[in-house]
Amino acid sequence: MRSAWVVMKRELGSFFVSPLAYVVLTAWLVWNGVVFWVLTEFYARNAVSSGAASPLSAFFGGSSLFFIPLLVFVPILTMRLIAGERQSGTIEPLMTAPVSDASVVLGKYCAAIVMWCVLWLPTVIYAWIMRQHGTVDWGATAASYFGILLLGSYFMAIGLLMSALAPTQIIAAVLSFVALGVLFTVGIGEFVFDGAAREFCAYVSMWGHMQSFSKGVVDTRYLFFDLSVATLAVGLSIGVLKARRHT
């Protein structure tokens, strides 16, 4: 675990000294700020028709504005994890260091989770703003952030796996975008199909995931799905790295 900690610190250090980190963070904050402003304006003008919903519940997965940017930002954040090492030629020194493949992958995965949390940390101010002008269901807000953490656990794991498979960062980003896009599209099938197909689509639905958590409901089905996918993707990433070491 100490080796994984060292890899994580190295990854975070290299990320936060690069211009990419601040471009991504700035773009993300601007996007979220605009989305939150649009939602608050909409709910202020449609207070009666919006019912019990609130700008916060809409912000946390209640609209497509939550998911669309994730299909872009997650690939950008994860594309460099392993593919960047391979492309820059630093993968060889890393592989010859006294660090196991599992430590390398886990260290990079933990760094990706930290990046994910950094993205969402500034959004806490939106809850504070809402509290100044009304009431906030802090239980639902906490559940929303827990849902976001779970969603990020498997988003980042998929991005890590694509980065391990791809020879370049651009290909890794494209593969991550396609994989997450397919999962998002499959989830939309919840509103299209019936019977068993609908149940399956509802189970993998990102939309259903966040709608549940934004209401303060911690659904163990989504908890199991997120952690299972994350564990599988991280395990496959370790396998890919081991296979490449012996080729």
C-alpha atoms as a PDB file:
ATOM      1  CA  MET A   1       0.000   0.000   0.000  1.00  0.00           C
ATOM      2  CA  ARG A   2       2.929   2.321   0.598  1.00  0.00           C
ATOM      3  CA  SER A   3       3.966   1.920  -3.035  1.00  0.00           C
ATOM      4  CA  ALA A   4       0.446   2.764  -4.175  1.00  0.00           C
ATOM      5  CA  TRP A   5       0.556   5.881  -1.970  1.00  0.00           C
ATOM      6  CA  VAL A   6       3.820   6.969  -3.606  1.00  0.00           C
ATOM      7  CA  VAL A   7       2.364   6.417  -7.097  1.00  0.00           C
ATOM      8  CA  MET A   8      -0.751   8.384  -6.148  1.00  0.00           C
ATOM      9  CA  LYS A   9       1.271  11.359  -4.882  1.00  0.00           C
ATOM     10  CA  ARG A  10       3.410  11.260  -8.010  1.00  0.00           C
ATOM     11  CA  GLU A  11       0.335  11.225 -10.248  1.00  0.00           C
ATOM     12  CA  LEU A  12      -1.360  14.069  -8.410  1.00  0.00           C
ATOM     13  CA  GLY A  13       1.823  16.107  -8.416  1.00  0.00           C
ATOM     14  CA  SER A  14       2.306  15.713 -12.158  1.00  0.00           C
ATOM     15  CA  PHE A  15      -1.347  16.531 -12.822  1.00  0.00           C
ATOM     16  CA  PHE A  16      -1.651  19.663 -10.717  1.00  0.00           C
ATOM     17  CA  VAL A  17       1.547  21.216 -12.077  1.00  0.00           C
ATOM     18  CA  SER A  18       0.266  20.881 -15.638  1.00  0.00           C
ATOM     19  CA  PRO A  19      -1.817  23.551 -17.408  1.00  0.00           C
ATOM     20  CA  LEU A  20      -4.372  20.853 -18.283  1.00  0.00           C
ATOM     21  CA  ALA A  21      -5.504  20.619 -14.659  1.00  0.00           C
ATOM     22  CA  TYR A  22      -6.403  24.284 -14.433  1.00  0.00           C
ATOM     23  CA  VAL A  23      -8.006  24.410 -17.864  1.00  0.00           C
ATOM     24  CA  VAL A  24     -10.208  21.445 -16.912  1.00  0.00           C
ATOM     25  CA  LEU A  25     -11.063  22.848 -13.471  1.00  0.00           C
ATOM     26  CA  THR A  26     -11.885  26.296 -14.861  1.00  0.00           C
ATOM     27  CA  ALA A  27     -14.051  24.898 -17.650  1.00  0.00           C
ATOM     28  CA  TRP A  28     -15.810  22.612 -15.170  1.00  0.00           C
ATOM     29  CA  LEU A  29     -16.537  25.426 -12.709  1.00  0.00           C
ATOM     30  CA  VAL A  30     -17.809  27.711 -15.458  1.00  0.00           C
ATOM     31  CA  TRP A  31     -20.087  24.972 -16.810  1.00  0.00           C
ATOM     32  CA  ASN A  32     -21.494  24.110 -13.374  1.00  0.00           C
ATOM     33  CA  GLY A  33     -21.967  27.772 -12.537  1.00  0.00           C
ATOM     34  CA  VAL A  34     -23.978  28.348 -15.708  1.00  0.00           C
ATOM     35  CA  VAL A  35     -26.037  25.187 -15.158  1.00  0.00           C
ATOM     36  CA  PHE A  36     -26.825  26.118 -11.556  1.00  0.00           C
ATOM     37  CA  TRP A  37     -27.814  29.643 -12.607  1.00  0.00           C
ATOM     38  CA  VAL A  38     -30.091  28.300 -15.368  1.00  0.00           C
ATOM     39  CA  LEU A  39     -31.753  25.846 -12.970  1.00  0.00           C
ATOM     40  CA  THR A  40     -32.321  28.422 -10.238  1.00  0.00           C
ATOM     41  CA  GLU A  41     -33.814  30.820 -12.788  1.00  0.00           C
ATOM     42  CA  PHE A  42     -36.084  28.081 -14.120  1.00  0.00           C
ATOM     43  CA  TYR A  43     -37.332  27.044 -10.679  1.00  0.00           C
ATOM     44  CA  ALA A  44     -37.784  30.657  -9.597  1.00  0.00           C
ATOM     45  CA  ARG A  45     -40.006  31.293 -12.624  1.00  0.00           C
ATOM     46  CA  ASN A  46     -41.840  27.962 -12.403  1.00  0.00           C
ATOM     47  CA  ALA A  47     -42.199  27.456  -8.669  1.00  0.00           C
ATOM     48  CA  VAL A  48     -45.709  26.034  -8.923  1.00  0.00           C
ATOM     49  CA  SER A  49     -45.232  23.665 -11.851  1.00  0.00           C
ATOM     50  CA  SER A  50     -41.912  22.314 -10.548  1.00  0.00           C
ATOM     51  CA  GLY A  51     -43.645  20.794  -7.504  1.00  0.00           C
ATOM     52  CA  ALA A  52     -41.425  19.379  -4.776  1.00  0.00           C
ATOM     53  CA  ALA A  53     -38.291  19.391  -6.910  1.00  0.00           C
ATOM     54  CA  SER A  54     -35.533  21.902  -6.254  1.00  0.00           C
ATOM     55  CA  PRO A  55     -32.585  23.364  -8.156  1.00  0.00           C
ATOM     56  CA  LEU A  56     -30.239  21.175  -6.112  1.00  0.00           C
ATOM     57  CA  SER A  57     -32.047  17.931  -6.945  1.00  0.00           C
ATOM     58  CA  ALA A  58     -32.093  18.958 -10.610  1.00  0.00           C
ATOM     59  CA  PHE A  59     -28.422  19.898 -10.452  1.00  0.00           C
ATOM     60  CA  PHE A  60     -27.482  16.506  -9.011  1.00  0.00           C
ATOM     61  CA  GLY A  61     -28.572  14.357 -11.921  1.00  0.00           C
ATOM     62  CA  GLY A  62     -32.058  15.668 -12.520  1.00  0.00           C
ATOM     63  CA  SER A  63     -31.264  16.735 -16.067  1.00  0.00           C
ATOM     64  CA  SER A  64     -29.023  15.762 -18.969  1.00  0.00           C
ATOM     65  CA  LEU A  65     -26.893  18.823 -18.154  1.00  0.00           C
ATOM     66  CA  PHE A  66     -25.387  16.755 -15.340  1.00  0.00           C
ATOM     67  CA  PHE A  67     -24.290  13.814 -17.503  1.00  0.00           C
ATOM     68  CA  ILE A  68     -23.265  15.285 -20.847  1.00  0.00           C
ATOM     69  CA  PRO A  69     -20.150  17.116 -19.569  1.00  0.00           C
ATOM     70  CA  LEU A  70     -19.058  14.014 -17.638  1.00  0.00           C
ATOM     71  CA  LEU A  71     -18.760  12.133 -20.938  1.00  0.00           C
ATOM     72  CA  VAL A  72     -16.165  14.751 -21.905  1.00  0.00           C
ATOM     73  CA  PHE A  73     -14.397  15.613 -18.660  1.00  0.00           C
ATOM     74  CA  VAL A  74     -13.860  12.050 -17.399  1.00  0.00           C
ATOM     75  CA  PRO A  75     -11.967  10.919 -20.539  1.00  0.00           C
ATOM     76  CA  ILE A  76      -9.810  14.052 -20.349  1.00  0.00           C
ATOM     77  CA  LEU A  77      -8.945  13.371 -16.706  1.00  0.00           C
ATOM     78  CA  THR A  78      -8.178   9.673 -17.148  1.00  0.00           C
ATOM     79  CA  MET A  79      -6.576   9.522 -20.593  1.00  0.00           C
ATOM     80  CA  ARG A  80      -3.114  10.288 -19.246  1.00  0.00           C
ATOM     81  CA  LEU A  81      -3.087   7.837 -16.341  1.00  0.00           C
ATOM     82  CA  ILE A  82      -1.278   5.014 -18.135  1.00  0.00           C
ATOM     83  CA  ALA A  83      -1.434   5.912 -21.835  1.00  0.00           C
ATOM     84  CA  GLY A  84       0.353   9.171 -21.015  1.00  0.00           C
ATOM     85  CA  GLU A  85       3.184   7.237 -19.354  1.00  0.00           C
ATOM     86  CA  ARG A  86       3.440   4.982 -22.399  1.00  0.00           C
ATOM     87  CA  GLN A  87       3.338   7.860 -24.859  1.00  0.00           C
ATOM     88  CA  SER A  88       5.998   9.888 -23.043  1.00  0.00           C
ATOM     89  CA  GLY A  89       8.263   6.876 -22.510  1.00  0.00           C
ATOM     90  CA  THR A  90       8.117   7.001 -18.695  1.00  0.00           C
ATOM     91  CA  ILE A  91       6.288   3.678 -18.462  1.00  0.00           C
ATOM     92  CA  GLU A  92       9.558   1.696 -18.702  1.00  0.00           C
ATOM     93  CA  PRO A  93      11.196   3.291 -15.613  1.00  0.00           C
ATOM     94  CA  LEU A  94       7.915   2.856 -13.745  1.00  0.00           C
ATOM     95  CA  MET A  95       7.680  -0.821 -14.664  1.00  0.00           C
ATOM     96  CA  THR A  96      11.303  -1.497 -13.700  1.00  0.00           C
ATOM     97  CA  ALA A  97      10.935   0.218 -10.329  1.00  0.00           C
ATOM     98  CA  PRO A  98      10.355  -1.978  -7.270  1.00  0.00           C
ATOM     99  CA  VAL A  99       6.609  -1.393  -7.506  1.00  0.00           C
ATOM    100  CA  SER A 100       4.015  -4.054  -8.271  1.00  0.00           C
ATOM    101  CA  ASP A 101       1.511  -3.729 -11.100  1.00  0.00           C
ATOM    102  CA  ALA A 102      -1.295  -3.656  -8.555  1.00  0.00           C
ATOM    103  CA  SER A 103       0.359  -0.763  -6.694  1.00  0.00           C
ATOM    104  CA  VAL A 104       0.774   1.212  -9.919  1.00  0.00           C
ATOM    105  CA  VAL A 105      -2.855   0.745 -10.923  1.00  0.00           C
ATOM    106  CA  LEU A 106      -4.279   1.336  -7.436  1.00  0.00           C
ATOM    107  CA  GLY A 107      -2.126   4.430  -6.964  1.00  0.00           C
ATOM    108  CA  LYS A 108      -3.289   5.900 -10.247  1.00  0.00           C
ATOM    109  CA  TYR A 109      -6.887   4.946  -9.541  1.00  0.00           C
ATOM    110  CA  CYS A 110      -6.808   6.639  -6.133  1.00  0.00           C
ATOM    111  CA  ALA A 111      -5.313   9.734  -7.768  1.00  0.00           C
ATOM    112  CA  ALA A 112      -8.183   9.730 -10.269  1.00  0.00           C
ATOM    113  CA  ILE A 113     -10.717   9.542  -7.418  1.00  0.00           C
ATOM    114  CA  VAL A 114      -9.030  12.501  -5.712  1.00  0.00           C
ATOM    115  CA  MET A 115      -9.261  14.464  -8.985  1.00  0.00           C
ATOM    116  CA  TRP A 116     -12.950  13.575  -9.172  1.00  0.00           C
ATOM    117  CA  CYS A 117     -13.536  14.836  -5.629  1.00  0.00           C
ATOM    118  CA  VAL A 118     -11.644  18.063  -6.378  1.00  0.00           C
ATOM    119  CA  LEU A 119     -13.989  18.659  -9.312  1.00  0.00           C
ATOM    120  CA  TRP A 120     -17.067  18.447  -7.116  1.00  0.00           C
ATOM    121  CA  LEU A 121     -15.801  20.100  -3.933  1.00  0.00           C
ATOM    122  CA  PRO A 122     -16.519  23.695  -5.077  1.00  0.00           C
ATOM    123  CA  THR A 123     -20.154  22.795  -5.771  1.00  0.00           C
ATOM    124  CA  VAL A 124     -20.786  22.670  -2.025  1.00  0.00           C
ATOM    125  CA  ILE A 125     -21.146  26.439  -2.257  1.00  0.00           C
ATOM    126  CA  TYR A 126     -24.372  25.939  -4.235  1.00  0.00           C
ATOM    127  CA  ALA A 127     -25.962  24.231  -1.246  1.00  0.00           C
ATOM    128  CA  TRP A 128     -24.810  27.139   0.922  1.00  0.00           C
ATOM    129  CA  ILE A 129     -26.336  29.629  -1.534  1.00  0.00           C
ATOM    130  CA  MET A 130     -29.625  27.743  -1.499  1.00  0.00           C
ATOM    131  CA  ARG A 131     -29.563  27.723   2.292  1.00  0.00           C
ATOM    132  CA  GLN A 132     -29.286  31.524   2.356  1.00  0.00           C
ATOM    133  CA  HIS A 133     -32.485  31.866   0.342  1.00  0.00           C
ATOM    134  CA  GLY A 134     -34.561  28.929   1.511  1.00  0.00           C
ATOM    135  CA  THR A 135     -34.356  25.458   2.998  1.00  0.00           C
ATOM    136  CA  VAL A 136     -31.989  22.651   2.074  1.00  0.00           C
ATOM    137  CA  ASP A 137     -32.494  18.959   2.704  1.00  0.00           C
ATOM    138  CA  TRP A 138     -28.991  18.202   3.966  1.00  0.00           C
ATOM    139  CA  GLY A 139     -29.705  14.470   4.089  1.00  0.00           C
ATOM    140  CA  ALA A 140     -30.591  14.422   0.394  1.00  0.00           C
ATOM    141  CA  THR A 141     -27.604  16.644  -0.386  1.00  0.00           C
ATOM    142  CA  ALA A 142     -25.237  14.294   1.466  1.00  0.00           C
ATOM    143  CA  ALA A 143     -26.774  11.313  -0.332  1.00  0.00           C
ATOM    144  CA  SER A 144     -26.291  13.140  -3.643  1.00  0.00           C
ATOM    145  CA  TYR A 145     -22.589  13.595  -2.981  1.00  0.00           C
ATOM    146  CA  PHE A 146     -22.333   9.958  -1.938  1.00  0.00           C
ATOM    147  CA  GLY A 147     -23.984   8.994  -5.220  1.00  0.00           C
ATOM    148  CA  ILE A 148     -21.557  11.206  -7.114  1.00  0.00           C
ATOM    149  CA  LEU A 149     -18.641   9.486  -5.365  1.00  0.00           C
ATOM    150  CA  LEU A 150     -20.011   6.067  -6.333  1.00  0.00           C
ATOM    151  CA  LEU A 151     -20.624   7.183  -9.900  1.00  0.00           C
ATOM    152  CA  GLY A 152     -17.090   8.545 -10.067  1.00  0.00           C
ATOM    153  CA  SER A 153     -15.670   5.300  -8.716  1.00  0.00           C
ATOM    154  CA  TYR A 154     -16.747   3.404 -11.794  1.00  0.00           C
ATOM    155  CA  PHE A 155     -16.362   6.282 -14.276  1.00  0.00           C
ATOM    156  CA  MET A 156     -12.728   6.683 -13.288  1.00  0.00           C
ATOM    157  CA  ALA A 157     -12.169   2.916 -13.255  1.00  0.00           C
ATOM    158  CA  ILE A 158     -13.454   2.648 -16.826  1.00  0.00           C
ATOM    159  CA  GLY A 159     -11.263   5.575 -17.872  1.00  0.00           C
ATOM    160  CA  LEU A 160      -8.278   3.902 -16.214  1.00  0.00           C
ATOM    161  CA  LEU A 161      -8.951   0.646 -18.078  1.00  0.00           C
ATOM    162  CA  MET A 162      -9.205   2.442 -21.417  1.00  0.00           C
ATOM    163  CA  SER A 163      -5.955   4.261 -20.653  1.00  0.00           C
ATOM    164  CA  ALA A 164      -4.277   0.924 -19.914  1.00  0.00           C
ATOM    165  CA  LEU A 165      -5.517  -0.530 -23.208  1.00  0.00           C
ATOM    166  CA  ALA A 166      -4.786   2.454 -25.458  1.00  0.00           C
ATOM    167  CA  PRO A 167      -1.368   3.258 -26.966  1.00  0.00           C
ATOM    168  CA  THR A 168      -1.959   7.046 -26.867  1.00  0.00           C
ATOM    169  CA  GLN A 169      -3.869   9.524 -24.755  1.00  0.00           C
ATOM    170  CA  ILE A 170      -6.192  10.546 -27.588  1.00  0.00           C
ATOM    171  CA  ILE A 171      -7.224   6.951 -28.237  1.00  0.00           C
ATOM    172  CA  ALA A 172      -7.722   6.435 -24.500  1.00  0.00           C
ATOM    173  CA  ALA A 173     -10.007   9.489 -24.354  1.00  0.00           C
ATOM    174  CA  VAL A 174     -12.026   8.300 -27.348  1.00  0.00           C
ATOM    175  CA  LEU A 175     -12.405   4.787 -25.904  1.00  0.00           C
ATOM    176  CA  SER A 176     -13.529   6.202 -22.554  1.00  0.00           C
ATOM    177  CA  PHE A 177     -16.016   8.505 -24.246  1.00  0.00           C
ATOM    178  CA  VAL A 178     -17.463   5.615 -26.262  1.00  0.00           C
ATOM    179  CA  ALA A 179     -17.660   3.275 -23.245  1.00  0.00           C
ATOM    180  CA  LEU A 180     -19.377   5.837 -21.030  1.00  0.00           C
ATOM    181  CA  GLY A 181     -21.587   6.970 -23.908  1.00  0.00           C
ATOM    182  CA  VAL A 182     -22.762   3.397 -24.482  1.00  0.00           C
ATOM    183  CA  LEU A 183     -23.566   2.972 -20.788  1.00  0.00           C
ATOM    184  CA  PHE A 184     -25.466   6.258 -20.768  1.00  0.00           C
ATOM    185  CA  THR A 185     -27.410   5.279 -23.887  1.00  0.00           C
ATOM    186  CA  VAL A 186     -28.252   1.846 -22.485  1.00  0.00           C
ATOM    187  CA  GLY A 187     -29.625   3.519 -19.374  1.00  0.00           C
ATOM    188  CA  ILE A 188     -31.971   5.637 -21.491  1.00  0.00           C
ATOM    189  CA  GLY A 189     -33.554   2.356 -22.603  1.00  0.00           C
ATOM    190  CA  GLU A 190     -35.379   2.503 -19.263  1.00  0.00           C
ATOM    191  CA  PHE A 191     -37.769   4.963 -20.909  1.00  0.00           C
ATOM    192  CA  VAL A 192     -38.075   2.976 -24.152  1.00  0.00           C
ATOM    193  CA  PHE A 193     -38.341  -0.743 -23.418  1.00  0.00           C
ATOM    194  CA  ASP A 194     -40.662  -2.885 -21.341  1.00  0.00           C
ATOM    195  CA  GLY A 195     -40.284  -5.997 -19.220  1.00  0.00           C
ATOM    196  CA  ALA A 196     -36.863  -7.509 -18.512  1.00  0.00           C
ATOM    197  CA  ALA A 197     -35.095  -5.137 -20.925  1.00  0.00           C
ATOM    198  CA  ARG A 198     -36.483  -2.166 -19.051  1.00  0.00           C
ATOM    199  CA  GLU A 199     -35.376  -3.613 -15.710  1.00  0.00           C
ATOM    200  CA  PHE A 200     -31.861  -4.162 -17.012  1.00  0.00           C
ATOM    201  CA  CYS A 201     -31.630  -0.662 -18.459  1.00  0.00           C
ATOM    202  CA  ALA A 202     -32.949   0.808 -15.208  1.00  0.00           C
ATOM    203  CA  TYR A 203     -30.280  -1.103 -13.284  1.00  0.00           C
ATOM    204  CA  VAL A 204     -27.400   0.391 -15.301  1.00  0.00           C
ATOM    205  CA  SER A 205     -29.049   3.797 -15.731  1.00  0.00           C
ATOM    206  CA  MET A 206     -26.854   6.695 -14.643  1.00  0.00           C
ATOM    207  CA  TRP A 207     -29.960   8.857 -14.647  1.00  0.00           C
ATOM    208  CA  GLY A 208     -31.862   6.528 -12.329  1.00  0.00           C
ATOM    209  CA  HIS A 209     -28.784   6.257 -10.133  1.00  0.00           C
ATOM    210  CA  MET A 210     -28.541   9.983  -9.473  1.00  0.00           C
ATOM    211  CA  GLN A 211     -32.291  10.575  -9.286  1.00  0.00           C
ATOM    212  CA  SER A 212     -32.460   8.058  -6.470  1.00  0.00           C
ATOM    213  CA  PHE A 213     -29.563   9.540  -4.508  1.00  0.00           C
ATOM    214  CA  SER A 214     -30.680  13.148  -5.095  1.00  0.00           C
ATOM    215  CA  LYS A 215     -33.917  12.264  -3.277  1.00  0.00           C
ATOM    216  CA  GLY A 216     -31.930  10.992  -0.294  1.00  0.00           C
ATOM    217  CA  VAL A 217     -32.492   7.311  -1.134  1.00  0.00           C
ATOM    218  CA  VAL A 218     -29.313   5.188  -0.999  1.00  0.00           C
ATOM    219  CA  ASP A 219     -30.297   2.320  -3.283  1.00  0.00           C
ATOM    220  CA  THR A 220     -28.104  -0.724  -2.607  1.00  0.00           C
ATOM    221  CA  ARG A 221     -28.619  -1.947  -6.186  1.00  0.00           C
ATOM    222  CA  TYR A 222     -26.731   1.055  -7.528  1.00  0.00           C
ATOM    223  CA  LEU A 223     -24.187   0.756  -4.740  1.00  0.00           C
ATOM    224  CA  PHE A 224     -23.486  -2.848  -5.740  1.00  0.00           C
ATOM    225  CA  PHE A 225     -23.389  -2.037  -9.455  1.00  0.00           C
ATOM    226  CA  ASP A 226     -20.978   0.889  -9.114  1.00  0.00           C
ATOM    227  CA  LEU A 227     -18.550  -0.934  -6.853  1.00  0.00           C
ATOM    228  CA  SER A 228     -18.717  -4.118  -8.949  1.00  0.00           C
ATOM    229  CA  VAL A 229     -17.948  -2.285 -12.190  1.00  0.00           C
ATOM    230  CA  ALA A 230     -15.162  -0.304 -10.520  1.00  0.00           C
ATOM    231  CA  THR A 231     -13.603  -3.449  -9.036  1.00  0.00           C
ATOM    232  CA  LEU A 232     -13.826  -5.294 -12.363  1.00  0.00           C
ATOM    233  CA  ALA A 233     -12.316  -2.420 -14.341  1.00  0.00           C
ATOM    234  CA  VAL A 234      -9.451  -1.925 -11.877  1.00  0.00           C
ATOM    235  CA  GLY A 235      -8.773  -5.674 -11.848  1.00  0.00           C
ATOM    236  CA  LEU A 236      -8.710  -5.768 -15.652  1.00  0.00           C
ATOM    237  CA  SER A 237      -6.342  -2.776 -15.669  1.00  0.00           C
ATOM    238  CA  ILE A 238      -3.927  -4.701 -13.447  1.00  0.00           C
ATOM    239  CA  GLY A 239      -4.218  -7.676 -15.807  1.00  0.00           C
ATOM    240  CA  VAL A 240      -3.499  -5.481 -18.861  1.00  0.00           C
ATOM    241  CA  LEU A 241      -0.436  -3.986 -17.201  1.00  0.00           C
ATOM    242  CA  LYS A 242       0.876  -7.437 -16.261  1.00  0.00           C
ATOM    243  CA  ALA A 243       0.313  -8.702 -19.802  1.00  0.00           C
ATOM    244  CA  ARG A 244       2.186  -5.723 -21.279  1.00  0.00           C
ATOM    245  CA  ARG A 245       5.066  -6.222 -18.830  1.00  0.00           C
ATOM    246  CA  HIS A 246       5.631  -9.731 -20.214  1.00  0.00           C
ATOM    247  CA  THR A 247       5.403  -8.802 -23.889  1.00  0.00           C
END
